[in-house]
N, C-alpha and C. Protein backbone atom coordinates (compact mmCIF):
# COMPACT_ATOMS: atom_id res chain seq x y z
N MET A 1 1.23 -1.04 -0.20
CA MET A 1 0.20 0.15 0.21
C MET A 1 0.74 1.34 -0.06
N LEU A 2 0.46 2.48 -1.10
CA LEU A 2 1.42 3.69 -1.12
C LEU A 2 0.82 4.52 0.39
N GLN A 3 2.40 4.74 0.88
CA GLN A 3 2.11 5.56 2.26
C GLN A 3 2.08 7.17 1.63
N SER A 4 1.88 7.89 1.89
CA SER A 4 1.13 9.52 2.12
C SER A 4 2.37 10.26 2.31
N GLN A 5 2.50 11.03 1.15
CA GLN A 5 3.85 12.21 0.85
C GLN A 5 3.51 13.31 1.37
N GLU A 6 3.09 13.25 2.20
CA GLU A 6 2.34 15.08 3.16
C GLU A 6 1.52 14.49 3.99
N GLN A 7 2.15 14.22 5.04
CA GLN A 7 1.94 13.33 6.46
C GLN A 7 1.37 14.54 7.15
N TRP A 8 1.96 16.21 6.82
CA TRP A 8 1.13 17.15 7.72
C TRP A 8 0.21 17.87 7.20
N TYR A 9 0.10 17.40 6.16
CA TYR A 9 -1.49 17.89 5.14
C TYR A 9 -2.48 17.11 4.60
N GLY A 10 -3.37 17.27 4.14
CA GLY A 10 -4.48 16.64 3.40
C GLY A 10 -5.00 15.52 4.47
N PHE A 11 -5.38 14.15 3.97
CA PHE A 11 -6.43 13.40 4.85
C PHE A 11 -5.23 13.69 6.05
N TRP A 12 -4.13 12.38 5.47
CA TRP A 12 -3.11 12.41 7.20
C TRP A 12 -2.82 13.14 8.24
N GLY A 13 -2.85 14.78 7.64
CA GLY A 13 -3.00 16.12 8.92
C GLY A 13 -4.00 16.22 9.53
N SER A 14 -5.36 16.16 8.71
CA SER A 14 -6.18 16.37 9.67
C SER A 14 -7.05 15.32 10.37
N MET A 15 -6.40 14.11 9.96
CA MET A 15 -6.74 12.75 10.93
C MET A 15 -6.05 12.55 12.48
N GLY A 16 -5.04 13.42 12.52
CA GLY A 16 -4.89 13.12 13.42
C GLY A 16 -4.03 12.44 13.94
N ASP A 17 -4.02 11.61 15.43
CA ASP A 17 -3.62 10.59 15.90
C ASP A 17 -4.35 9.51 15.39
N ALA A 18 -5.56 9.27 15.00
CA ALA A 18 -6.31 7.97 13.67
C ALA A 18 -5.12 8.02 12.42
N ALA A 19 -4.27 8.68 12.22
CA ALA A 19 -4.25 9.26 10.64
C ALA A 19 -3.52 8.15 10.43
N GLU A 20 -2.46 6.56 10.70
CA GLU A 20 -2.20 5.86 9.99
C GLU A 20 -3.34 4.90 10.02
N THR A 21 -4.17 4.88 11.06
CA THR A 21 -5.27 3.71 10.81
C THR A 21 -6.24 3.65 9.70
N ALA A 22 -6.61 5.60 9.95
CA ALA A 22 -7.59 5.95 8.76
C ALA A 22 -7.25 6.21 7.76
N TRP A 23 -5.26 6.20 7.06
CA TRP A 23 -5.08 5.94 5.96
C TRP A 23 -5.41 4.12 5.56
N ALA A 24 -5.12 3.68 6.14
CA ALA A 24 -4.92 2.32 5.70
C ALA A 24 -5.98 1.64 5.78
N LEU A 25 -7.55 2.12 5.99
CA LEU A 25 -8.65 1.96 5.83
C LEU A 25 -8.61 2.92 4.64
N ALA A 26 -8.75 3.89 4.56
CA ALA A 26 -9.23 4.95 3.03
C ALA A 26 -9.01 4.28 1.79
N LEU A 27 -7.09 4.43 1.94
CA LEU A 27 -6.81 3.60 0.39
C LEU A 27 -7.14 2.71 -0.42
N PRO A 28 -7.49 1.83 0.26
CA PRO A 28 -8.06 0.78 0.03
C PRO A 28 -9.32 0.81 -0.23
N ALA A 29 -10.16 1.46 -0.08
CA ALA A 29 -12.15 1.49 0.42
C ALA A 29 -11.95 2.23 -1.09
N ILE A 30 -11.39 3.11 -1.46
CA ILE A 30 -11.75 4.56 -2.23
C ILE A 30 -11.65 3.57 -3.76
N VAL A 31 -10.46 3.20 -3.60
CA VAL A 31 -9.42 2.62 -4.65
C VAL A 31 -10.70 1.38 -4.76
N ALA A 32 -10.81 0.76 -3.89
CA ALA A 32 -12.42 -0.23 -4.51
C ALA A 32 -13.77 0.30 -5.02
N ALA A 33 -13.52 1.41 -4.50
CA ALA A 33 -15.08 2.03 -3.91
C ALA A 33 -15.23 2.40 -6.31
N MET A 34 -14.01 3.02 -6.48
CA MET A 34 -13.97 3.85 -7.73
C MET A 34 -12.88 3.23 -8.79
N GLY A 35 -12.36 2.02 -8.15
CA GLY A 35 -11.86 1.30 -9.33
C GLY A 35 -10.64 2.28 -9.61
N CYS A 36 -10.34 2.87 -9.04
CA CYS A 36 -8.94 3.75 -9.68
C CYS A 36 -7.59 2.82 -8.85
N GLU A 37 -6.54 3.67 -9.58
CA GLU A 37 -5.12 2.90 -8.59
C GLU A 37 -4.55 3.64 -7.51
N GLU A 38 -4.08 3.34 -7.06
CA GLU A 38 -3.70 3.50 -5.78
C GLU A 38 -2.79 5.09 -5.81
N ASP A 39 -2.10 4.71 -6.90
CA ASP A 39 -1.38 6.49 -6.82
C ASP A 39 -2.43 7.35 -6.91
N GLU A 40 -3.73 7.53 -7.77
CA GLU A 40 -4.39 8.36 -7.66
C GLU A 40 -5.36 8.86 -6.86
N VAL A 41 -5.54 7.96 -5.69
CA VAL A 41 -6.55 8.25 -4.25
C VAL A 41 -5.16 8.34 -3.50
N ARG A 42 -4.21 8.41 -3.39
CA ARG A 42 -2.91 8.87 -2.69
C ARG A 42 -2.99 10.21 -3.02
N ASP A 43 -2.87 10.68 -4.45
CA ASP A 43 -2.59 11.91 -4.65
C ASP A 43 -3.84 12.89 -3.91
N PHE A 44 -4.76 12.76 -4.39
CA PHE A 44 -5.79 12.88 -3.83
C PHE A 44 -6.34 12.95 -2.10
N LEU A 45 -5.70 12.07 -1.68
CA LEU A 45 -5.88 12.11 -0.28
C LEU A 45 -4.57 12.97 0.37
N ASP A 46 -3.46 13.56 -0.01
CA ASP A 46 -2.58 14.36 0.16
C ASP A 46 -2.93 15.45 0.01
N SER A 47 -4.09 15.77 -1.13
CA SER A 47 -4.57 17.07 -2.41
C SER A 47 -5.15 17.78 -0.47
N ARG A 48 -5.82 18.81 -0.96
CA ARG A 48 -6.56 19.80 -0.10
C ARG A 48 -7.80 18.96 0.08
N HIS A 49 -8.33 18.51 -1.08
CA HIS A 49 -9.96 17.86 -1.30
C HIS A 49 -9.40 16.28 0.12
N GLY A 50 -8.44 16.18 0.14
CA GLY A 50 -8.36 14.67 0.95
C GLY A 50 -8.53 15.10 2.44
N ARG A 51 -8.51 17.04 2.65
CA ARG A 51 -8.43 17.64 4.09
C ARG A 51 -10.36 17.09 4.04
N HIS A 52 -10.68 17.65 3.27
CA HIS A 52 -12.03 17.99 3.02
C HIS A 52 -13.00 16.83 3.45
N PHE A 53 -12.46 15.65 2.82
CA PHE A 53 -12.42 14.44 3.00
C PHE A 53 -12.43 14.06 4.61
N ALA A 54 -11.56 13.87 5.20
CA ALA A 54 -11.20 14.01 6.09
C ALA A 54 -11.84 14.49 7.48
N ASP A 55 -12.66 16.01 7.02
CA ASP A 55 -13.33 16.29 7.70
C ASP A 55 -14.54 15.81 7.56
N THR A 56 -15.22 14.84 6.30
CA THR A 56 -16.41 14.55 6.40
C THR A 56 -16.11 12.94 7.03
N VAL A 57 -15.29 12.36 7.22
CA VAL A 57 -15.15 11.10 8.09
C VAL A 57 -15.41 11.76 9.75
N ARG A 58 -15.01 12.52 10.40
CA ARG A 58 -14.96 13.33 11.20
C ARG A 58 -16.47 13.67 11.42
N CYS A 59 -17.00 14.09 10.91
CA CYS A 59 -18.41 14.16 11.00
C CYS A 59 -18.84 13.41 11.04
N HIS A 60 -19.08 11.50 10.16
CA HIS A 60 -19.60 10.58 10.60
C HIS A 60 -18.54 10.22 11.61
N GLN A 61 -17.97 10.36 11.94
CA GLN A 61 -17.17 9.99 13.53
C GLN A 61 -17.89 10.58 15.02
N GLU A 62 -18.26 11.52 14.48
CA GLU A 62 -19.16 12.56 15.80
C GLU A 62 -20.19 11.91 15.61
N ARG A 63 -20.74 11.30 14.77
CA ARG A 63 -22.14 10.72 14.58
C ARG A 63 -22.34 9.32 15.46
N GLY A 64 -21.47 9.09 15.63
CA GLY A 64 -20.97 7.51 16.52
C GLY A 64 -20.55 6.82 15.70
N HIS A 65 -20.22 6.80 14.00
CA HIS A 65 -19.56 5.40 13.45
C HIS A 65 -18.37 5.76 13.78
N ALA A 66 -18.13 4.07 13.85
CA ALA A 66 -16.65 3.97 14.01
C ALA A 66 -15.64 4.32 12.80
N LEU A 67 -14.48 4.68 12.99
CA LEU A 67 -13.40 4.95 11.68
C LEU A 67 -13.93 3.86 10.68
N ALA A 68 -13.97 3.11 10.55
CA ALA A 68 -14.31 2.22 8.95
C ALA A 68 -15.82 2.31 8.74
N GLN A 69 -16.67 2.17 9.22
CA GLN A 69 -17.45 2.62 8.51
C GLN A 69 -17.95 4.42 8.60
N ALA A 70 -17.00 5.25 9.30
CA ALA A 70 -17.12 6.60 9.10
C ALA A 70 -16.80 7.03 7.59
N ILE A 71 -15.31 6.14 7.47
CA ILE A 71 -15.14 6.00 5.94
C ILE A 71 -15.39 5.61 4.85
N GLY A 72 -16.40 4.42 5.31
CA GLY A 72 -17.21 4.06 4.08
C GLY A 72 -18.91 5.23 3.86
N ALA A 73 -18.87 5.65 4.96
CA ALA A 73 -20.05 6.60 4.89
C ALA A 73 -19.46 8.13 4.28
N ALA A 74 -18.29 8.25 4.33
CA ALA A 74 -18.22 9.30 3.71
C ALA A 74 -18.04 8.95 2.50
N ILE A 75 -17.53 8.08 1.99
CA ILE A 75 -17.28 7.35 0.25
C ILE A 75 -18.68 8.15 -0.39
N THR A 76 -19.91 6.89 0.53
CA THR A 76 -20.88 6.99 -0.12
C THR A 76 -21.76 8.28 -0.38
N GLU A 77 -21.67 9.35 1.09
CA GLU A 77 -21.72 11.01 1.04
C GLU A 77 -21.12 11.08 -0.37
N TRP A 78 -20.12 11.16 -0.51
CA TRP A 78 -19.12 11.93 -1.55
C TRP A 78 -19.71 11.04 -2.44
N ARG A 79 -20.20 10.33 -3.20
CA ARG A 79 -20.59 9.88 -4.75
C ARG A 79 -22.16 10.06 -4.37
N GLY A 80 -21.84 11.27 -4.02
CA GLY A 80 -24.01 10.96 -4.31
C GLY A 80 -24.09 12.39 -4.52
N TYR A 81 -23.20 12.88 -4.40
CA TYR A 81 -23.60 14.98 -4.55
C TYR A 81 -23.00 14.45 -6.08
N ARG A 82 -23.12 15.32 -7.29
CA ARG A 82 -22.30 15.42 -8.45
C ARG A 82 -21.90 17.17 -8.36
N VAL A 83 -20.90 16.72 -9.39
CA VAL A 83 -19.70 18.17 -9.17
C VAL A 83 -20.67 19.45 -10.03
N GLY A 84 -20.65 20.68 -9.99
CA GLY A 84 -21.70 21.82 -10.59
C GLY A 84 -20.77 22.05 -11.89
N LYS A 85 -21.24 23.06 -12.41
CA LYS A 85 -21.46 23.28 -13.82
C LYS A 85 -19.93 24.10 -14.08
N ALA A 86 -19.49 25.04 -12.90
CA ALA A 86 -18.32 25.55 -12.29
C ALA A 86 -17.23 25.25 -12.50
N THR A 87 -17.32 23.94 -12.42
CA THR A 87 -16.67 23.00 -11.43
C THR A 87 -16.23 21.89 -12.35
N ARG A 88 -17.02 21.33 -13.13
CA ARG A 88 -16.89 20.49 -14.35
C ARG A 88 -15.49 20.76 -15.64
N ARG A 89 -16.50 22.62 -15.81
CA ARG A 89 -15.25 23.37 -16.92
C ARG A 89 -14.05 23.42 -16.65
N ALA A 90 -13.84 23.46 -15.28
CA ALA A 90 -12.69 24.02 -14.64
C ALA A 90 -11.22 23.24 -14.66
N TYR A 91 -12.34 22.09 -13.92
CA TYR A 91 -11.31 20.95 -14.07
C TYR A 91 -11.50 20.14 -15.54
N GLY A 92 -12.52 20.34 -16.31
CA GLY A 92 -12.77 19.28 -17.50
C GLY A 92 -12.92 18.47 -16.90
N MET A 93 -14.23 17.33 -16.48
CA MET A 93 -14.93 16.49 -15.94
C MET A 93 -15.99 16.54 -16.59
N PRO A 94 -16.15 15.28 -16.97
CA PRO A 94 -17.72 14.96 -17.24
C PRO A 94 -18.65 15.36 -16.58
N GLU A 95 -19.82 15.45 -17.63
CA GLU A 95 -21.35 15.85 -17.11
C GLU A 95 -21.65 14.19 -15.95
N GLY A 96 -22.32 14.98 -15.24
CA GLY A 96 -22.66 13.57 -14.19
C GLY A 96 -21.64 12.88 -13.23
N ALA A 97 -20.64 13.47 -13.28
CA ALA A 97 -19.66 12.82 -12.43
C ALA A 97 -19.97 13.51 -10.71
N ASP A 98 -20.02 12.46 -10.08
CA ASP A 98 -20.10 12.03 -9.20
C ASP A 98 -18.53 12.94 -7.82
N TYR A 99 -18.75 13.26 -6.69
CA TYR A 99 -18.09 14.71 -6.19
C TYR A 99 -16.61 13.47 -5.91
N LEU A 100 -16.73 12.73 -5.74
CA LEU A 100 -15.41 12.06 -4.86
C LEU A 100 -14.89 11.45 -6.81
N THR A 101 -15.75 11.23 -7.69
CA THR A 101 -14.21 10.85 -9.25
C THR A 101 -13.93 12.43 -9.34
N GLY A 102 -14.54 12.91 -9.49
CA GLY A 102 -14.30 14.89 -9.79
C GLY A 102 -13.32 15.16 -9.01
N MET A 103 -12.90 15.00 -7.56
CA MET A 103 -12.31 15.87 -6.61
C MET A 103 -11.12 15.16 -6.16
N VAL A 104 -10.87 13.18 -7.39
CA VAL A 104 -10.19 12.06 -6.94
C VAL A 104 -9.75 12.91 -8.30
N LEU A 105 -10.10 13.29 -10.13
CA LEU A 105 -9.02 13.79 -11.34
C LEU A 105 -8.78 15.05 -11.01
N ALA A 106 -9.45 15.63 -10.27
CA ALA A 106 -8.83 17.51 -9.89
C ALA A 106 -7.86 17.19 -9.14
N ALA A 107 -7.32 15.94 -8.18
CA ALA A 107 -5.71 15.74 -7.72
C ALA A 107 -4.35 15.26 -8.75
N GLN A 108 -4.99 15.15 -9.56
CA GLN A 108 -4.31 14.78 -10.74
C GLN A 108 -3.34 15.79 -11.76
N GLY A 109 -4.10 16.73 -10.99
CA GLY A 109 -3.31 17.78 -12.23
C GLY A 109 -4.77 18.72 -13.32
N CYS A 110 -6.07 17.99 -13.19
CA CYS A 110 -6.68 19.09 -14.05
C CYS A 110 -7.11 20.02 -14.01
N GLY A 111 -7.29 20.87 -14.82
CA GLY A 111 -7.62 22.12 -14.77
C GLY A 111 -6.98 23.21 -13.91
N PRO A 112 -6.99 24.06 -13.87
CA PRO A 112 -6.09 25.43 -13.23
C PRO A 112 -6.36 25.85 -12.41
N LEU A 113 -7.58 25.20 -11.43
CA LEU A 113 -7.68 25.62 -10.16
C LEU A 113 -6.24 24.83 -8.49
N LEU A 114 -6.00 24.18 -9.55
CA LEU A 114 -4.55 23.48 -8.27
C LEU A 114 -3.45 23.89 -8.57
């Protein structure tokens, strides 16, 4: 499994003391949910978008979910949102893209907003 390259920032930095365990759960869960490569998910988790994903995980933990459940719930939540028109244009994303897919693509350097 790939390790974070930004342990002070992104998902890892936002998860605090739980970062190592959270990373070990989140990376393969997102890879499985999206069918993409580990390096693509690592880049996403290490980005500012990964920080926001960690915030969603933390919100689910505050609602009483265990860490693995919180990560699964965050994946489901982000997959349920659709990327808006302005974001699609800025990053060159396909219409109808879910938010998780969009932000993984954005972390790959697509578009001018990075």
